[in-house]
Amino acid sequence: MESSTLNITLACLVASYLLGSLPSGFLAGKWLCGIDLRNIGSGSTGATNVLRHVGKKAALIVFIIDVSKGITSIIIAKHFLLSDSFQVAAGVMALVGHIWPIWLKWKGGKAVATGLGVFLGLSWQVGLASLGIFLAVLAGTKIVSFSSIFAASALPILMFLSFPKESISQPYMLVSITSMILVIWRHRGNIKRLVEGKEPKIGNKS
């Protein structure tokens, strides 16, 4: 890889991490209610915890910003004509930034909204399909965590079905599997509460 190309690639990866690190949920809690979401509810700085402890409008804004972080990381990589592998790397860096933000002592969100943005950037069909699955499951269960886990689990299947077998991008498949594992791992506490029947539904702040 040429020096100039390497510099551009490294800059894209760093920019993607910093984008992911933008603490939108944390700032919403601090600015609007004077609270630190890391110490309340699930401890996540994502839109769901914002919804429960700040409000609907703030949660919607945080959700849009978090999705935009993922999309933007891919747009930047595509703008500089980076390969599929480096596009995926940029998306992963945005996820890493959201989960482990440098500004919040490495304690952020669960990367569901940012992950949606990454997949909308990589393959809008997969992104929209996963969002549709999330909304359908949420409508039936009213449980955000279960809907997130279900939608993430469908990602590898959606990615496989969205491309002809002869042209499917291996990095795209790999990131769909990685994202599924990452989302499930980040929801391990929610999974325990789901098994125990203690996971709150939408509208329940407990």
Protein backbone atom coordinates (compact mmCIF):
# COMPACT_ATOMS: atom_id res chain seq x y z
CA MET A 1 0.00 0.00 0.00
CA GLU A 2 1.39 3.42 -0.99
CA SER A 3 2.20 5.91 1.75
CA SER A 4 -0.52 8.37 0.70
CA THR A 5 -3.13 5.61 0.53
CA LEU A 6 -2.04 4.31 3.92
CA ASN A 7 -2.35 7.79 5.43
CA ILE A 8 -5.85 8.22 3.99
CA THR A 9 -6.89 4.79 5.27
CA LEU A 10 -5.57 5.45 8.77
CA ALA A 11 -7.23 8.87 8.80
CA CYS A 12 -10.57 7.29 7.81
CA LEU A 13 -10.30 4.71 10.57
CA VAL A 14 -9.45 7.31 13.21
CA ALA A 15 -12.25 9.59 11.98
CA SER A 16 -14.71 6.69 12.13
CA TYR A 17 -13.73 5.92 15.72
CA LEU A 18 -14.10 9.57 16.74
CA LEU A 19 -17.48 9.74 15.00
CA GLY A 20 -18.62 6.66 16.88
CA SER A 21 -17.35 8.17 20.11
CA LEU A 22 -19.62 11.22 19.81
CA PRO A 23 -21.57 10.81 23.11
CA SER A 24 -25.00 11.96 21.92
CA GLY A 25 -26.97 10.06 24.55
CA PHE A 26 -24.71 11.13 27.39
CA LEU A 27 -24.95 14.77 26.29
CA ALA A 28 -28.74 14.55 26.07
CA GLY A 29 -28.92 13.28 29.64
CA LYS A 30 -26.51 15.94 30.93
CA TRP A 31 -27.91 18.91 29.02
CA LEU A 32 -31.61 18.19 29.39
CA CYS A 33 -31.86 16.52 32.80
CA GLY A 34 -28.50 16.89 34.48
CA ILE A 35 -28.07 13.12 34.77
CA ASP A 36 -25.32 10.69 33.87
CA LEU A 37 -26.98 7.84 31.97
CA ARG A 38 -24.04 5.58 32.74
CA ASN A 39 -25.26 5.49 36.35
CA ILE A 40 -28.98 5.07 35.62
CA GLY A 41 -31.11 2.24 34.30
CA SER A 42 -29.17 -0.07 32.00
CA GLY A 43 -26.07 2.15 32.23
CA SER A 44 -26.06 2.54 28.45
CA THR A 45 -25.81 5.90 26.71
CA GLY A 46 -27.97 4.66 23.82
CA ALA A 47 -31.39 5.82 22.67
CA THR A 48 -33.35 3.28 24.75
CA ASN A 49 -31.93 4.51 28.05
CA VAL A 50 -32.46 8.08 26.85
CA LEU A 51 -36.10 7.21 26.11
CA ARG A 52 -36.66 5.85 29.61
CA HIS A 53 -34.93 8.63 31.54
CA VAL A 54 -34.91 11.74 29.34
CA GLY A 55 -37.85 11.57 26.94
CA LYS A 56 -39.16 10.60 23.52
CA LYS A 57 -37.94 13.62 21.55
CA ALA A 58 -34.43 13.35 22.96
CA ALA A 59 -34.37 9.61 22.27
CA LEU A 60 -35.41 10.15 18.64
CA ILE A 61 -32.68 12.76 18.14
CA VAL A 62 -30.07 10.51 19.75
CA PHE A 63 -31.21 7.59 17.59
CA ILE A 64 -30.89 9.65 14.39
CA ILE A 65 -27.44 10.93 15.41
CA ASP A 66 -26.22 7.44 16.30
CA VAL A 67 -27.48 5.99 13.00
CA SER A 68 -25.80 8.88 11.17
CA LYS A 69 -22.47 8.08 12.82
CA GLY A 70 -22.50 4.62 11.26
CA ILE A 71 -23.63 5.80 7.83
CA THR A 72 -21.07 8.61 7.75
CA SER A 73 -18.18 6.29 8.55
CA ILE A 74 -19.04 4.17 5.49
CA ILE A 75 -19.65 7.21 3.26
CA ILE A 76 -16.20 8.54 4.11
CA ALA A 77 -14.58 5.19 3.30
CA LYS A 78 -16.47 4.91 0.01
CA HIS A 79 -15.62 8.51 -0.89
CA PHE A 80 -11.92 7.64 -0.77
CA LEU A 81 -12.55 4.46 -2.80
CA LEU A 82 -11.39 2.17 -0.03
CA SER A 83 -11.85 -1.56 -0.56
CA ASP A 84 -14.70 -3.58 0.97
CA SER A 85 -12.35 -4.68 3.74
CA PHE A 86 -11.48 -1.13 4.74
CA GLN A 87 -15.10 0.00 4.44
CA VAL A 88 -15.97 -2.72 6.93
CA ALA A 89 -13.01 -1.70 9.12
CA ALA A 90 -14.30 1.88 9.16
CA GLY A 91 -17.74 0.67 10.19
CA VAL A 92 -16.27 -1.51 12.93
CA MET A 93 -14.27 1.46 14.22
CA ALA A 94 -17.50 3.47 14.48
CA LEU A 95 -19.05 0.64 16.50
CA VAL A 96 -15.98 0.44 18.72
CA GLY A 97 -16.13 4.19 19.27
CA HIS A 98 -19.79 4.04 20.25
CA ILE A 99 -19.30 1.16 22.69
CA TRP A 100 -15.97 2.35 24.09
CA PRO A 101 -15.89 6.16 23.63
CA ILE A 102 -12.67 7.88 24.57
CA TRP A 103 -14.60 10.82 26.06
CA LEU A 104 -16.57 8.71 28.57
CA LYS A 105 -13.84 6.52 30.04
CA TRP A 106 -14.70 3.73 27.57
CA LYS A 107 -18.32 3.29 28.72
CA GLY A 108 -20.88 3.98 26.00
CA GLY A 109 -23.87 2.38 24.29
CA LYS A 110 -24.69 -1.00 22.78
CA ALA A 111 -24.14 0.03 19.14
CA VAL A 112 -27.52 -1.06 17.80
CA ALA A 113 -28.39 2.29 16.16
CA THR A 114 -24.82 2.90 14.99
CA GLY A 115 -24.72 -0.66 13.67
CA LEU A 116 -27.91 0.03 11.71
CA GLY A 117 -26.19 3.04 10.19
CA VAL A 118 -23.16 0.96 9.23
CA PHE A 119 -25.32 -1.58 7.40
CA LEU A 120 -27.39 1.12 5.72
CA GLY A 121 -24.09 2.44 4.38
CA LEU A 122 -22.76 -0.95 3.29
CA SER A 123 -26.02 -2.33 1.88
CA TRP A 124 -29.18 -0.27 2.29
CA GLN A 125 -31.29 -3.35 1.55
CA VAL A 126 -29.81 -5.21 4.51
CA GLY A 127 -30.07 -2.14 6.71
CA LEU A 128 -33.74 -1.54 5.92
CA ALA A 129 -34.58 -5.23 6.26
CA SER A 130 -32.97 -5.43 9.69
CA LEU A 131 -34.81 -2.26 10.75
CA GLY A 132 -38.08 -3.80 9.54
CA ILE A 133 -37.43 -6.95 11.56
CA PHE A 134 -36.59 -4.86 14.63
CA LEU A 135 -39.81 -2.83 14.34
CA ALA A 136 -41.96 -5.91 13.72
CA VAL A 137 -40.59 -7.73 16.76
CA LEU A 138 -40.84 -4.56 18.87
CA ALA A 139 -44.48 -4.12 17.88
CA GLY A 140 -45.21 -7.65 19.07
CA THR A 141 -43.13 -7.74 22.26
CA LYS A 142 -42.58 -4.09 23.33
CA ILE A 143 -39.09 -5.17 24.42
CA VAL A 144 -36.27 -3.22 22.77
CA SER A 145 -33.47 -5.57 23.81
CA PHE A 146 -35.18 -8.67 22.44
CA SER A 147 -35.97 -6.86 19.19
CA SER A 148 -32.34 -5.73 18.88
CA ILE A 149 -31.00 -9.24 19.49
CA PHE A 150 -33.47 -10.76 17.02
CA ALA A 151 -32.64 -8.22 14.29
CA ALA A 152 -28.89 -8.63 14.85
CA SER A 153 -29.20 -12.41 14.65
CA ALA A 154 -30.85 -12.04 11.24
CA LEU A 155 -27.99 -9.94 9.81
CA PRO A 156 -25.86 -12.79 8.38
CA ILE A 157 -28.93 -14.33 6.73
CA LEU A 158 -30.02 -10.99 5.28
CA MET A 159 -26.54 -10.30 3.97
CA PHE A 160 -26.33 -13.75 2.39
CA LEU A 161 -29.71 -13.34 0.70
CA SER A 162 -28.98 -9.81 -0.56
CA PHE A 163 -26.12 -10.76 -2.89
CA PRO A 164 -25.73 -13.42 -5.57
CA LYS A 165 -23.52 -16.22 -4.26
CA GLU A 166 -20.82 -15.49 -6.82
CA SER A 167 -20.55 -11.79 -5.91
CA ILE A 168 -21.14 -11.67 -2.16
CA SER A 169 -18.47 -9.71 -0.33
CA GLN A 170 -16.64 -11.80 2.25
CA PRO A 171 -15.84 -8.72 4.40
CA TYR A 172 -19.55 -7.80 4.38
CA MET A 173 -20.47 -11.31 5.53
CA LEU A 174 -17.78 -11.22 8.19
CA VAL A 175 -18.96 -7.89 9.60
CA SER A 176 -22.56 -9.13 9.72
CA ILE A 177 -21.48 -12.12 11.81
CA THR A 178 -19.20 -9.95 13.97
CA SER A 179 -21.98 -7.42 14.55
CA MET A 180 -24.40 -10.18 15.52
CA ILE A 181 -21.96 -11.53 18.10
CA LEU A 182 -21.14 -8.04 19.38
CA VAL A 183 -24.79 -7.05 19.86
CA ILE A 184 -25.61 -10.31 21.63
CA TRP A 185 -22.57 -9.91 23.89
CA ARG A 186 -23.48 -6.31 24.73
CA HIS A 187 -26.98 -7.48 25.66
CA ARG A 188 -25.84 -10.32 27.93
CA GLY A 189 -27.36 -8.58 30.97
CA ASN A 190 -30.62 -8.09 29.08
CA ILE A 191 -30.63 -11.75 28.09
CA LYS A 192 -30.37 -12.74 31.75
CA ARG A 193 -33.33 -10.50 32.61
CA LEU A 194 -35.30 -11.86 29.64
CA VAL A 195 -34.80 -15.40 30.91
CA GLU A 196 -35.87 -14.30 34.40
CA GLY A 197 -38.88 -12.40 33.02
CA LYS A 198 -37.60 -9.11 34.45
CA GLU A 199 -36.73 -7.20 31.28
CA PRO A 200 -38.78 -3.95 31.12
CA LYS A 201 -41.01 -3.16 28.19
CA ILE A 202 -41.41 0.16 26.41
CA GLY A 203 -43.03 2.63 28.80
CA ASN A 204 -41.62 0.91 31.88
CA LYS A 205 -38.71 2.81 33.41
CA SER A 206 -37.76 0.15 35.93
